[in-house]
Amino acid sequence: MKGKKLVVSSFIAAAVFAISPGSTFAAEASDESDSSQAAAMQLPPGWTEADMQACFLAATPGDKHELLIEGSGVWHGKSTMWMSPGAEPIKSECTATMTPMMDGRYLKCEMEGEMPGMGPYSGLGLYGFDNVSQKFVCTWLDTQSTGIMTGTGDVSEDGKKMTWEFNYNCPVSRKPSVIREVETVTGPNTKTLEIYGTEPKSGEEYRMMVIEFTRS
């Protein structure tokens, strides 16, 4: 059943691309060689041209995607981490390589570093902007977990500050928990990432980590 759903989803995506105004297929449909193929393509029952256009627009990158892609490049980070409120700070360094994907629709983050007392650290994130929900979206996984964090975010009007909320399962409380992130652009090639989490014993939110990034 899952495989059939994937096939149907792929077919609908292809149909959206083929029929939507402005698509390559639509531009070529005027050619005699493609006219019969275009005529054979029909809207699903109950669908309108406006429905198909909505699907096309949902898949089209816009200014929010451009904002994400502006963060492309190799960023070197100096991090400070606190294991609990009031704990002594732990210093380390990391590198985040940000690469555009799928014609600017997504931004991939590959992070490498060292977690003091825990060894090497690797993380992988996929960032995007959902045109339908009008939210920034992210999926994150790393070597310090076997779970996958999912998050949504918003950006300030000036485009300089992005606020995220991630959901994950806390290994100590064994309950769903939330991590907040605030990323602030401080210059053309500098930014600060602040990460806030909940101390599992007290339930108090505190600043877990700060990373100062510089793009090379």
C-alpha atoms as a PDB file:
ATOM      1  CA  MET A   1       0.000   0.000   0.000  1.00  0.00           C
ATOM      2  CA  LYS A   2       2.822   2.399   0.851  1.00  0.00           C
ATOM      3  CA  GLY A   3       4.458   1.763  -2.517  1.00  0.00           C
ATOM      4  CA  LYS A   4       1.195   2.459  -4.321  1.00  0.00           C
ATOM      5  CA  LYS A   5       0.840   5.764  -2.468  1.00  0.00           C
ATOM      6  CA  LEU A   6       4.347   6.758  -3.523  1.00  0.00           C
ATOM      7  CA  VAL A   7       3.549   5.951  -7.152  1.00  0.00           C
ATOM      8  CA  VAL A   8       0.312   7.961  -7.007  1.00  0.00           C
ATOM      9  CA  SER A   9       2.103  10.899  -5.348  1.00  0.00           C
ATOM     10  CA  SER A  10       4.795  10.835  -8.027  1.00  0.00           C
ATOM     11  CA  PHE A  11       2.134  10.766 -10.738  1.00  0.00           C
ATOM     12  CA  ILE A  12       0.318  13.760  -9.259  1.00  0.00           C
ATOM     13  CA  ALA A  13       3.581  15.687  -8.949  1.00  0.00           C
ATOM     14  CA  ALA A  14       4.359  14.944 -12.588  1.00  0.00           C
ATOM     15  CA  ALA A  15       0.848  15.981 -13.610  1.00  0.00           C
ATOM     16  CA  VAL A  16       1.173  19.254 -11.725  1.00  0.00           C
ATOM     17  CA  PHE A  17       4.426  20.020 -13.498  1.00  0.00           C
ATOM     18  CA  ALA A  18       3.033  19.068 -16.886  1.00  0.00           C
ATOM     19  CA  ILE A  19      -0.232  21.004 -16.733  1.00  0.00           C
ATOM     20  CA  SER A  20       0.661  24.074 -14.672  1.00  0.00           C
ATOM     21  CA  PRO A  21       0.924  27.371 -16.572  1.00  0.00           C
ATOM     22  CA  GLY A  22       4.507  28.432 -17.143  1.00  0.00           C
ATOM     23  CA  SER A  23       5.906  24.897 -16.964  1.00  0.00           C
ATOM     24  CA  THR A  24       8.194  23.525 -19.648  1.00  0.00           C
ATOM     25  CA  PHE A  25       5.543  21.041 -20.733  1.00  0.00           C
ATOM     26  CA  ALA A  26       2.917  23.758 -21.080  1.00  0.00           C
ATOM     27  CA  ALA A  27       5.321  25.815 -23.164  1.00  0.00           C
ATOM     28  CA  GLU A  28       5.958  22.912 -25.485  1.00  0.00           C
ATOM     29  CA  ALA A  29       2.360  21.729 -25.674  1.00  0.00           C
ATOM     30  CA  SER A  30       1.759  24.068 -28.614  1.00  0.00           C
ATOM     31  CA  ASP A  31       4.108  21.947 -30.715  1.00  0.00           C
ATOM     32  CA  GLU A  32       2.244  19.534 -32.919  1.00  0.00           C
ATOM     33  CA  SER A  33       4.386  16.654 -31.665  1.00  0.00           C
ATOM     34  CA  ASP A  34       3.135  17.209 -28.126  1.00  0.00           C
ATOM     35  CA  SER A  35      -0.429  18.299 -28.824  1.00  0.00           C
ATOM     36  CA  SER A  36      -1.896  14.826 -28.571  1.00  0.00           C
ATOM     37  CA  GLN A  37      -0.055  14.170 -25.319  1.00  0.00           C
ATOM     38  CA  ALA A  38      -1.291  17.454 -23.862  1.00  0.00           C
ATOM     39  CA  ALA A  39      -4.835  16.668 -24.894  1.00  0.00           C
ATOM     40  CA  ALA A  40      -4.630  13.283 -23.162  1.00  0.00           C
ATOM     41  CA  MET A  41      -3.675  14.888 -19.855  1.00  0.00           C
ATOM     42  CA  GLN A  42      -6.838  15.650 -17.903  1.00  0.00           C
ATOM     43  CA  LEU A  43      -7.518  17.112 -14.505  1.00  0.00           C
ATOM     44  CA  PRO A  44      -8.390  14.658 -11.723  1.00  0.00           C
ATOM     45  CA  PRO A  45     -12.148  14.490 -11.001  1.00  0.00           C
ATOM     46  CA  GLY A  46     -13.322  17.588  -9.147  1.00  0.00           C
ATOM     47  CA  TRP A  47     -10.068  19.479  -9.697  1.00  0.00           C
ATOM     48  CA  THR A  48      -9.899  22.922 -11.301  1.00  0.00           C
ATOM     49  CA  GLU A  49      -7.113  24.749 -13.069  1.00  0.00           C
ATOM     50  CA  ALA A  50      -6.818  26.867  -9.925  1.00  0.00           C
ATOM     51  CA  ASP A  51      -6.167  23.710  -7.877  1.00  0.00           C
ATOM     52  CA  MET A  52      -3.367  22.699 -10.215  1.00  0.00           C
ATOM     53  CA  GLN A  53      -1.948  26.204 -10.154  1.00  0.00           C
ATOM     54  CA  ALA A  54      -1.928  26.097  -6.330  1.00  0.00           C
ATOM     55  CA  CYS A  55       0.141  22.902  -6.480  1.00  0.00           C
ATOM     56  CA  PHE A  56       2.541  24.532  -8.920  1.00  0.00           C
ATOM     57  CA  LEU A  57       2.966  27.590  -6.702  1.00  0.00           C
ATOM     58  CA  ALA A  58       3.556  25.376  -3.661  1.00  0.00           C
ATOM     59  CA  ALA A  59       6.575  23.908  -5.429  1.00  0.00           C
ATOM     60  CA  THR A  60       8.035  27.208  -6.658  1.00  0.00           C
ATOM     61  CA  PRO A  61      10.967  28.725  -4.692  1.00  0.00           C
ATOM     62  CA  GLY A  62      10.503  32.330  -3.585  1.00  0.00           C
ATOM     63  CA  ASP A  63      12.121  35.073  -1.533  1.00  0.00           C
ATOM     64  CA  LYS A  64      12.146  33.007   1.678  1.00  0.00           C
ATOM     65  CA  HIS A  65      14.096  30.288  -0.100  1.00  0.00           C
ATOM     66  CA  GLU A  66      16.527  32.920  -1.371  1.00  0.00           C
ATOM     67  CA  LEU A  67      16.983  34.055   2.219  1.00  0.00           C
ATOM     68  CA  LEU A  68      17.950  30.517   3.233  1.00  0.00           C
ATOM     69  CA  ILE A  69      20.362  30.124   0.325  1.00  0.00           C
ATOM     70  CA  GLU A  70      22.144  33.325   1.393  1.00  0.00           C
ATOM     71  CA  GLY A  71      23.521  31.200   4.237  1.00  0.00           C
ATOM     72  CA  SER A  72      25.430  28.902   1.850  1.00  0.00           C
ATOM     73  CA  GLY A  73      29.129  28.350   2.411  1.00  0.00           C
ATOM     74  CA  VAL A  74      31.518  26.976   5.001  1.00  0.00           C
ATOM     75  CA  TRP A  75      31.025  28.360   8.498  1.00  0.00           C
ATOM     76  CA  HIS A  76      33.541  27.896  11.322  1.00  0.00           C
ATOM     77  CA  GLY A  77      32.023  27.954  14.780  1.00  0.00           C
ATOM     78  CA  LYS A  78      33.301  28.522  18.306  1.00  0.00           C
ATOM     79  CA  SER A  79      30.829  27.072  20.765  1.00  0.00           C
ATOM     80  CA  THR A  80      30.178  27.392  24.471  1.00  0.00           C
ATOM     81  CA  MET A  81      27.985  24.738  26.106  1.00  0.00           C
ATOM     82  CA  TRP A  82      26.426  24.408  29.571  1.00  0.00           C
ATOM     83  CA  MET A  83      25.252  21.003  30.809  1.00  0.00           C
ATOM     84  CA  SER A  84      22.838  22.608  33.300  1.00  0.00           C
ATOM     85  CA  PRO A  85      21.892  26.087  34.565  1.00  0.00           C
ATOM     86  CA  GLY A  86      24.884  27.653  36.301  1.00  0.00           C
ATOM     87  CA  ALA A  87      27.305  24.909  35.195  1.00  0.00           C
ATOM     88  CA  GLU A  88      30.851  25.677  34.083  1.00  0.00           C
ATOM     89  CA  PRO A  89      31.052  26.462  30.351  1.00  0.00           C
ATOM     90  CA  ILE A  90      32.524  23.874  27.977  1.00  0.00           C
ATOM     91  CA  LYS A  91      34.358  25.226  24.928  1.00  0.00           C
ATOM     92  CA  SER A  92      34.707  23.525  21.543  1.00  0.00           C
ATOM     93  CA  GLU A  93      34.824  24.239  17.805  1.00  0.00           C
ATOM     94  CA  CYS A  94      32.856  23.031  14.805  1.00  0.00           C
ATOM     95  CA  THR A  95      32.448  23.484  11.062  1.00  0.00           C
ATOM     96  CA  ALA A  96      29.117  23.740   9.248  1.00  0.00           C
ATOM     97  CA  THR A  97      29.012  23.303   5.471  1.00  0.00           C
ATOM     98  CA  MET A  98      25.808  24.741   4.000  1.00  0.00           C
ATOM     99  CA  THR A  99      24.905  23.574   0.472  1.00  0.00           C
ATOM    100  CA  PRO A 100      21.845  24.476  -1.668  1.00  0.00           C
ATOM    101  CA  MET A 101      19.758  21.551  -2.939  1.00  0.00           C
ATOM    102  CA  MET A 102      17.087  20.938  -5.578  1.00  0.00           C
ATOM    103  CA  ASP A 103      17.372  24.204  -7.473  1.00  0.00           C
ATOM    104  CA  GLY A 104      17.389  26.348  -4.343  1.00  0.00           C
ATOM    105  CA  ARG A 105      14.407  24.764  -2.617  1.00  0.00           C
ATOM    106  CA  TYR A 106      16.396  23.431   0.333  1.00  0.00           C
ATOM    107  CA  LEU A 107      19.625  24.052   2.209  1.00  0.00           C
ATOM    108  CA  LYS A 108      21.684  21.140   3.536  1.00  0.00           C
ATOM    109  CA  CYS A 109      23.811  21.566   6.658  1.00  0.00           C
ATOM    110  CA  GLU A 110      26.644  19.137   7.368  1.00  0.00           C
ATOM    111  CA  MET A 111      28.234  19.803  10.737  1.00  0.00           C
ATOM    112  CA  GLU A 112      31.441  18.325  12.125  1.00  0.00           C
ATOM    113  CA  GLY A 113      32.997  18.979  15.501  1.00  0.00           C
ATOM    114  CA  GLU A 114      34.178  17.631  18.821  1.00  0.00           C
ATOM    115  CA  MET A 115      32.004  17.235  21.910  1.00  0.00           C
ATOM    116  CA  PRO A 116      34.298  17.434  24.958  1.00  0.00           C
ATOM    117  CA  GLY A 117      34.059  14.177  26.856  1.00  0.00           C
ATOM    118  CA  MET A 118      31.875  12.619  24.157  1.00  0.00           C
ATOM    119  CA  GLY A 119      34.171  12.455  21.134  1.00  0.00           C
ATOM    120  CA  PRO A 120      33.626  13.459  17.494  1.00  0.00           C
ATOM    121  CA  TYR A 121      30.284  14.925  16.522  1.00  0.00           C
ATOM    122  CA  SER A 122      28.513  14.836  13.147  1.00  0.00           C
ATOM    123  CA  GLY A 123      25.155  16.402  12.333  1.00  0.00           C
ATOM    124  CA  LEU A 124      22.971  16.645   9.239  1.00  0.00           C
ATOM    125  CA  GLY A 125      20.135  19.093   8.724  1.00  0.00           C
ATOM    126  CA  LEU A 126      17.767  19.880   5.852  1.00  0.00           C
ATOM    127  CA  TYR A 127      16.240  23.355   5.872  1.00  0.00           C
ATOM    128  CA  GLY A 128      13.426  24.718   3.734  1.00  0.00           C
ATOM    129  CA  PHE A 129      10.437  27.021   3.571  1.00  0.00           C
ATOM    130  CA  ASP A 130       6.990  25.474   3.177  1.00  0.00           C
ATOM    131  CA  ASN A 131       4.969  27.674   0.827  1.00  0.00           C
ATOM    132  CA  VAL A 132       1.741  26.107   2.076  1.00  0.00           C
ATOM    133  CA  SER A 133       2.217  26.507   5.841  1.00  0.00           C
ATOM    134  CA  GLN A 134       4.288  29.686   5.363  1.00  0.00           C
ATOM    135  CA  LYS A 135       6.787  28.325   7.898  1.00  0.00           C
ATOM    136  CA  PHE A 136      10.472  27.545   7.732  1.00  0.00           C
ATOM    137  CA  VAL A 137      10.950  23.815   8.271  1.00  0.00           C
ATOM    138  CA  CYS A 138      13.892  21.659   9.312  1.00  0.00           C
ATOM    139  CA  THR A 139      14.803  18.037   9.955  1.00  0.00           C
ATOM    140  CA  TRP A 140      17.920  17.343  12.053  1.00  0.00           C
ATOM    141  CA  LEU A 141      19.813  14.184  12.996  1.00  0.00           C
ATOM    142  CA  ASP A 142      23.243  13.647  14.538  1.00  0.00           C
ATOM    143  CA  THR A 143      25.594  11.185  16.194  1.00  0.00           C
ATOM    144  CA  GLN A 144      24.446  12.143  19.703  1.00  0.00           C
ATOM    145  CA  SER A 145      21.018  10.591  19.147  1.00  0.00           C
ATOM    146  CA  THR A 146      19.094   7.902  17.279  1.00  0.00           C
ATOM    147  CA  GLY A 147      16.032  10.118  16.968  1.00  0.00           C
ATOM    148  CA  ILE A 148      15.204  12.749  14.371  1.00  0.00           C
ATOM    149  CA  MET A 149      14.316  16.296  15.434  1.00  0.00           C
ATOM    150  CA  THR A 150      11.783  18.268  13.421  1.00  0.00           C
ATOM    151  CA  GLY A 151      11.307  21.992  13.703  1.00  0.00           C
ATOM    152  CA  THR A 152       9.507  25.029  12.371  1.00  0.00           C
ATOM    153  CA  GLY A 153      10.701  28.604  12.318  1.00  0.00           C
ATOM    154  CA  ASP A 154       9.890  32.226  11.601  1.00  0.00           C
ATOM    155  CA  VAL A 155      12.058  35.130  10.519  1.00  0.00           C
ATOM    156  CA  SER A 156      12.019  38.761  11.632  1.00  0.00           C
ATOM    157  CA  GLU A 157      10.853  41.452   9.220  1.00  0.00           C
ATOM    158  CA  ASP A 158      14.410  42.576   8.542  1.00  0.00           C
ATOM    159  CA  GLY A 159      15.515  38.991   7.818  1.00  0.00           C
ATOM    160  CA  LYS A 160      18.257  39.131  10.447  1.00  0.00           C
ATOM    161  CA  LYS A 161      16.818  36.893  13.156  1.00  0.00           C
ATOM    162  CA  MET A 162      15.328  33.439  12.745  1.00  0.00           C
ATOM    163  CA  THR A 163      13.573  31.693  15.646  1.00  0.00           C
ATOM    164  CA  TRP A 164      13.098  27.924  15.653  1.00  0.00           C
ATOM    165  CA  GLU A 165      11.221  25.414  17.793  1.00  0.00           C
ATOM    166  CA  PHE A 166      12.313  21.772  17.566  1.00  0.00           C
ATOM    167  CA  ASN A 167      10.545  18.715  18.951  1.00  0.00           C
ATOM    168  CA  TYR A 168      12.407  15.663  20.210  1.00  0.00           C
ATOM    169  CA  ASN A 169      12.213  12.907  22.838  1.00  0.00           C
ATOM    170  CA  CYS A 170      14.331  13.657  25.938  1.00  0.00           C
ATOM    171  CA  PRO A 171      16.434  10.586  26.871  1.00  0.00           C
ATOM    172  CA  VAL A 172      16.403  11.503  30.585  1.00  0.00           C
ATOM    173  CA  SER A 173      12.696  12.205  31.107  1.00  0.00           C
ATOM    174  CA  ARG A 174      11.715   9.893  28.227  1.00  0.00           C
ATOM    175  CA  LYS A 175       9.075  12.442  27.280  1.00  0.00           C
ATOM    176  CA  PRO A 176       8.547  14.774  24.334  1.00  0.00           C
ATOM    177  CA  SER A 177      10.500  17.998  24.793  1.00  0.00           C
ATOM    178  CA  VAL A 178      11.286  21.225  22.969  1.00  0.00           C
ATOM    179  CA  ILE A 179      14.493  22.977  21.968  1.00  0.00           C
ATOM    180  CA  ARG A 180      14.417  26.628  20.919  1.00  0.00           C
ATOM    181  CA  GLU A 181      17.015  28.131  18.622  1.00  0.00           C
ATOM    182  CA  VAL A 182      17.617  31.786  17.818  1.00  0.00           C
ATOM    183  CA  GLU A 183      19.938  32.525  14.909  1.00  0.00           C
ATOM    184  CA  THR A 184      20.982  36.161  14.548  1.00  0.00           C
ATOM    185  CA  VAL A 185      22.916  37.558  11.581  1.00  0.00           C
ATOM    186  CA  THR A 186      25.540  39.918  12.977  1.00  0.00           C
ATOM    187  CA  GLY A 187      27.402  40.761   9.743  1.00  0.00           C
ATOM    188  CA  PRO A 188      27.877  39.740   6.097  1.00  0.00           C
ATOM    189  CA  ASN A 189      29.866  36.672   7.184  1.00  0.00           C
ATOM    190  CA  THR A 190      29.066  36.313  10.881  1.00  0.00           C
ATOM    191  CA  LYS A 191      26.111  34.989  12.849  1.00  0.00           C
ATOM    192  CA  THR A 192      25.268  33.773  16.346  1.00  0.00           C
ATOM    193  CA  LEU A 193      23.249  30.656  17.169  1.00  0.00           C
ATOM    194  CA  GLU A 194      21.703  30.418  20.647  1.00  0.00           C
ATOM    195  CA  ILE A 195      20.155  27.106  21.744  1.00  0.00           C
ATOM    196  CA  TYR A 196      17.719  26.862  24.664  1.00  0.00           C
ATOM    197  CA  GLY A 197      16.562  23.624  26.242  1.00  0.00           C
ATOM    198  CA  THR A 198      14.737  22.327  29.304  1.00  0.00           C
ATOM    199  CA  GLU A 199      16.705  20.922  32.232  1.00  0.00           C
ATOM    200  CA  PRO A 200      15.001  17.507  32.625  1.00  0.00           C
ATOM    201  CA  LYS A 201      15.094  17.365  36.435  1.00  0.00           C
ATOM    202  CA  SER A 202      13.878  20.875  37.249  1.00  0.00           C
ATOM    203  CA  GLY A 203      11.891  21.632  34.100  1.00  0.00           C
ATOM    204  CA  GLU A 204      13.683  24.995  33.857  1.00  0.00           C
ATOM    205  CA  GLU A 205      14.501  26.376  30.416  1.00  0.00           C
ATOM    206  CA  TYR A 206      18.069  27.627  30.099  1.00  0.00           C
ATOM    207  CA  ARG A 207      20.592  28.555  27.449  1.00  0.00           C
ATOM    208  CA  MET A 208      22.375  25.314  26.604  1.00  0.00           C
ATOM    209  CA  MET A 209      24.759  26.512  23.924  1.00  0.00           C
ATOM    210  CA  VAL A 210      25.988  29.522  21.991  1.00  0.00           C
ATOM    211  CA  ILE A 211      27.902  29.188  18.720  1.00  0.00           C
ATOM    212  CA  GLU A 212      29.652  32.147  17.097  1.00  0.00           C
ATOM    213  CA  PHE A 213      29.954  31.423  13.363  1.00  0.00           C
ATOM    214  CA  THR A 214      32.260  33.026  10.814  1.00  0.00           C
ATOM    215  CA  ARG A 215      32.038  32.219   7.100  1.00  0.00           C
ATOM    216  CA  SER A 216      35.313  31.567   5.330  1.00  0.00           C
END
